[in-house]
Protein backbone atom coordinates (compact mmCIF):
# COMPACT_ATOMS: atom_id res chain seq x y z
CA MET A 1 18.79 -168.38 168.03
CA VAL A 2 19.22 -168.73 164.29
CA ARG A 3 17.55 -171.62 162.19
CA VAL A 4 19.60 -173.86 160.54
CA PRO A 5 18.54 -174.58 157.30
CA THR A 6 18.01 -177.75 155.71
CA PRO A 7 20.42 -178.75 152.61
CA GLY A 8 18.90 -177.31 149.51
CA ASP A 9 16.94 -174.67 151.08
CA ASP A 10 19.11 -171.99 150.26
CA GLY A 11 20.04 -172.12 146.55
CA LEU A 12 23.36 -173.62 147.29
CA ASP A 13 24.63 -176.93 145.51
CA ASP A 14 27.71 -177.79 147.62
CA ARG A 15 26.23 -181.40 148.33
CA VAL A 16 25.43 -181.92 144.36
CA PRO A 17 29.04 -184.19 143.81
CA TYR A 18 30.98 -183.00 140.93
CA LEU A 19 30.70 -185.97 138.88
CA ALA A 20 26.65 -185.60 138.94
CA ARG A 21 27.11 -181.86 137.76
CA LEU A 22 28.69 -183.36 134.37
CA GLU A 23 26.97 -184.28 130.99
CA ALA A 24 27.69 -187.65 130.16
CA THR A 25 30.13 -187.43 127.68
CA GLU A 26 32.00 -185.61 129.97
CA ARG A 27 31.79 -188.17 132.89
CA GLU A 28 33.00 -190.83 130.39
CA GLY A 29 35.68 -189.28 129.05
CA LEU A 30 36.76 -188.40 132.95
CA LEU A 31 36.31 -191.60 134.25
CA THR A 32 38.11 -193.38 131.57
CA LEU A 33 41.19 -191.32 132.56
CA GLY A 34 41.51 -193.07 135.55
CA ARG A 35 42.86 -196.17 137.44
CA GLU A 36 40.88 -197.62 140.40
CA MET A 37 42.18 -197.98 143.95
CA ARG A 38 40.56 -199.72 146.56
CA PHE A 39 41.19 -198.36 149.99
CA ALA A 40 40.60 -200.36 153.34
CA ARG A 41 38.43 -198.84 156.09
CA ARG A 42 40.73 -196.28 158.04
CA ALA A 43 43.22 -195.88 155.11
CA VAL A 44 44.81 -192.57 154.57
CA LEU A 45 44.01 -191.77 150.95
CA LEU A 46 45.27 -188.27 150.87
CA ARG A 47 48.31 -186.42 153.81
CA GLU A 48 48.29 -183.14 155.13
CA PHE A 49 51.13 -181.31 153.58
CA GLU A 50 52.49 -183.91 151.18
CA PRO A 51 53.46 -183.23 147.96
CA SER A 52 50.36 -183.44 145.18
CA ALA A 53 50.32 -185.48 141.99
CA HIS A 54 46.61 -186.77 141.67
CA ILE A 55 43.20 -186.42 142.16
CA LEU A 56 40.79 -188.95 143.16
CA LEU A 57 37.34 -189.43 142.29
CA VAL A 58 35.16 -191.23 144.65
CA LEU A 59 33.05 -193.90 143.19
CA GLN A 60 32.22 -196.29 146.19
CA GLY A 61 32.08 -195.40 150.06
CA TRP A 62 32.37 -192.36 152.14
CA THR A 63 35.70 -190.26 153.45
CA LYS A 64 36.04 -187.37 156.11
CA VAL A 65 38.42 -184.72 155.27
CA THR A 66 40.37 -183.19 158.39
CA THR A 67 43.22 -180.68 158.69
CA THR A 68 45.81 -180.82 162.37
CA ALA A 69 46.57 -177.52 164.19
CA PRO A 70 49.78 -177.09 165.66
CA ASN A 71 48.54 -177.73 169.09
CA GLY A 72 47.11 -181.46 167.60
CA TYR A 73 43.34 -180.33 167.53
CA VAL A 74 41.96 -182.22 164.68
CA MET A 75 38.51 -180.48 162.81
CA LEU A 76 36.53 -182.38 161.06
CA LEU A 77 35.86 -180.33 157.30
CA ALA A 78 33.59 -182.05 155.59
CA LEU A 79 32.48 -185.82 154.15
CA ARG A 80 32.86 -186.57 150.76
CA GLY A 81 31.45 -189.75 149.18
CA PRO A 82 30.33 -190.94 146.16
CA GLY A 83 30.72 -188.99 142.55
CA ASP A 84 32.94 -186.08 145.13
CA ILE A 85 36.17 -184.86 143.82
CA ILE A 86 39.36 -185.01 146.06
CA GLY A 87 42.37 -182.99 145.77
CA GLU A 88 41.24 -181.11 142.87
CA SER A 89 42.74 -177.69 144.52
CA ALA A 90 46.16 -178.90 144.84
CA ALA A 91 45.82 -180.02 141.59
CA LEU A 92 45.05 -177.17 140.10
CA THR A 93 47.62 -174.72 142.26
CA GLY A 94 50.94 -177.40 142.36
CA ARG A 95 50.27 -176.50 146.46
CA PRO A 96 50.76 -179.43 148.68
CA ARG A 97 47.77 -181.19 150.54
CA SER A 98 45.62 -179.34 152.43
CA ALA A 99 44.03 -181.75 154.50
CA THR A 100 44.03 -185.46 155.30
CA VAL A 101 41.31 -187.59 153.44
CA THR A 102 40.53 -190.54 155.87
CA ALA A 103 38.09 -193.64 154.67
CA LEU A 104 35.30 -194.47 156.98
CA GLU A 105 34.45 -197.54 155.76
CA PRO A 106 35.96 -199.27 152.31
CA VAL A 107 36.09 -196.90 149.41
CA ARG A 108 36.78 -197.38 145.56
CA ALA A 109 38.38 -193.92 143.89
CA ALA A 110 39.27 -193.43 140.28
CA VAL A 111 42.87 -192.15 140.41
CA ILE A 112 44.12 -189.20 137.65
CA ASP A 113 47.15 -187.74 137.74
CA HIS A 114 47.55 -183.92 137.65
CA ASP A 115 48.37 -183.67 133.97
CA GLY A 116 45.89 -185.65 133.01
CA PHE A 117 43.11 -183.74 134.62
CA ARG A 118 44.39 -180.83 133.02
CA LYS A 119 44.52 -181.85 130.35
CA TYR A 120 40.90 -182.76 130.44
CA LEU A 121 39.93 -179.60 131.40
CA ALA A 122 41.34 -177.86 128.58
CA GLU A 123 39.45 -180.37 126.32
CA TYR A 124 35.96 -180.12 128.67
CA PRO A 125 35.70 -176.18 129.10
CA GLU A 126 31.91 -177.03 130.78
CA ALA A 127 33.70 -179.16 132.98
CA MET A 128 36.00 -176.23 134.55
CA LEU A 129 33.27 -174.25 134.72
CA GLN A 130 31.39 -177.09 137.16
CA LEU A 131 34.39 -177.41 139.11
CA LEU A 132 34.90 -173.88 139.61
CA GLY A 133 31.05 -173.74 140.71
CA LEU A 134 31.45 -176.36 142.75
CA ALA A 135 34.17 -174.70 144.33
CA SER A 136 32.20 -171.72 144.81
CA ASP A 137 29.63 -173.73 146.44
CA ARG A 138 31.31 -175.26 149.12
CA SER A 139 33.17 -171.67 150.05
CA ARG A 140 29.48 -170.16 150.10
CA ALA A 141 28.74 -172.99 152.43
CA GLY A 142 31.30 -173.29 154.57
CA ASP A 143 30.94 -169.63 155.00
CA ARG A 144 27.52 -169.82 155.95
CA ARG A 145 28.13 -172.53 158.66
CA ARG A 146 30.99 -170.38 160.15
CA LEU A 147 28.32 -167.47 160.37
CA GLU A 148 25.49 -169.79 162.10
CA PHE A 149 27.71 -171.61 164.53
CA ALA A 150 29.33 -168.05 165.50
CA SER A 151 26.04 -167.39 167.17
CA LEU A 152 24.95 -170.54 168.58
CA THR A 153 26.19 -172.33 171.82
CA VAL A 154 28.34 -175.76 171.69
CA ARG A 155 25.15 -177.60 172.69
CA GLU A 156 22.96 -175.43 170.16
CA ARG A 157 26.30 -176.76 167.31
CA LEU A 158 26.21 -180.39 168.13
CA ALA A 159 22.41 -180.36 167.97
CA ALA A 160 22.35 -178.88 164.41
CA LEU A 161 25.68 -181.14 163.61
CA LEU A 162 23.48 -184.24 164.02
CA LEU A 163 20.49 -182.77 162.64
CA GLU A 164 22.45 -182.11 159.45
CA LEU A 165 24.26 -185.25 159.33
CA ALA A 166 20.71 -187.10 159.72
CA ARG A 167 19.81 -185.37 156.84
CA THR A 168 22.80 -185.96 154.87
CA HIS A 169 23.82 -189.32 155.85
CA GLY A 170 20.91 -190.82 158.01
CA ARG A 171 19.12 -194.03 157.38
CA THR A 172 15.86 -194.60 159.14
CA ILE A 173 15.77 -197.95 161.74
CA PRO A 174 12.77 -198.93 163.53
CA GLU A 175 14.71 -197.11 166.90
CA GLY A 176 15.08 -193.89 165.15
CA ILE A 177 17.69 -192.47 162.41
CA GLU A 178 21.20 -194.06 162.34
CA LEU A 179 24.41 -191.96 160.94
CA ALA A 180 25.68 -194.08 158.30
CA VAL A 181 29.14 -192.44 158.78
CA PRO A 182 31.28 -193.63 161.76
CA LEU A 183 32.45 -190.39 163.08
CA SER A 184 34.36 -189.91 166.41
CA LYS A 185 33.52 -188.24 169.17
CA MET A 186 36.52 -185.93 168.39
CA GLU A 187 35.65 -185.70 164.86
CA LEU A 188 32.60 -184.73 165.88
CA ALA A 189 33.74 -182.05 168.37
CA GLY A 190 35.96 -180.56 165.93
CA SER A 191 33.21 -179.85 163.63
CA ILE A 192 31.52 -177.72 165.91
CA GLY A 193 35.19 -176.21 167.65
CA ALA A 194 34.17 -177.83 171.05
CA SER A 195 36.47 -180.09 173.29
CA ARG A 196 35.94 -183.82 172.96
CA GLU A 197 34.90 -183.78 176.98
CA MET A 198 32.43 -181.57 176.44
CA VAL A 199 31.22 -183.30 173.78
CA GLN A 200 31.40 -186.23 175.71
CA ARG A 201 29.28 -184.30 178.47
CA LEU A 202 26.83 -183.47 176.14
CA PHE A 203 26.33 -187.01 174.55
CA LYS A 204 25.64 -188.01 177.89
CA GLU A 205 22.97 -185.69 178.71
CA LEU A 206 21.27 -186.61 175.08
CA ARG A 207 21.78 -190.29 176.39
CA GLU A 208 19.85 -189.89 179.88
CA ARG A 209 16.90 -188.00 178.10
CA LYS A 210 16.64 -190.57 175.78
CA VAL A 211 17.37 -188.35 172.37
CA ILE A 212 20.44 -190.16 171.05
CA MET A 213 21.78 -194.16 171.70
CA THR A 214 25.23 -194.58 170.79
CA GLY A 215 27.37 -197.99 170.85
CA ARG A 216 30.80 -198.44 169.30
CA ARG A 217 31.05 -196.25 166.19
CA THR A 218 27.21 -196.35 165.85
CA LEU A 219 25.07 -193.25 166.88
CA ILE A 220 21.15 -193.38 166.37
CA ILE A 221 19.06 -190.50 167.05
CA LEU A 222 15.46 -191.22 168.92
CA ARG A 223 14.41 -187.91 168.90
CA PRO A 224 15.35 -185.58 166.57
CA ASP A 225 12.30 -182.92 167.75
CA VAL A 226 13.84 -182.51 170.54
CA LEU A 227 17.57 -181.80 168.50
CA ARG A 228 15.33 -178.95 166.47
CA ARG A 229 14.37 -177.66 169.73
CA VAL A 230 17.85 -177.79 171.34
CA GLY A 231 19.31 -176.39 168.03
CA GLY A 232 16.61 -173.71 167.09
CA ASN A 233 15.04 -175.63 164.67
CA GLY A 234 12.23 -176.43 166.04
């Protein structure tokens, strides 16, 4: 089995948000260009295929990035949270949005129009280099995960995904580790290339084994050691 690496153990920094990569003056210069907007949970911040006129800098809250296949299959591409930049690719290429971004909880974000963002990058060349570095890190991490997942069964992929979410978005509670981002079974299925029905069956199995506990939009990992063994990491 392929060992699923923990974040940061291979030198990839794809989870370091854009604002954290900037020097203080660069960060302040960028934030002064934006106007703050607030989005309710489940609100769509950006919609796939729509024309692009601005970027977003997430200041508070978490979002999900998804894309939809012609047959309606929804795939979860990424989670973006505080400090992350969203919509930068469309800003630089002038192409329509390549994915839909939806708030998982109340979100505050700074909205910056494309012209202002491009002028900012021309004024701060180092910020452009950091943006290119972020794009490279995300691309390499995506390639790595696809390669690893290709050698795993659906059961192993789900275990690996839950462990990764626990590491990056988990909070410790008396019962175990609660995932702080509410994802549906359909979204989890899309992230691992499985059907919703398959994920439901695997969840039932994990609940019966008392590995996880689920509720309405909640998921608590009771036995991460079992998930590590299932995912080939234990």
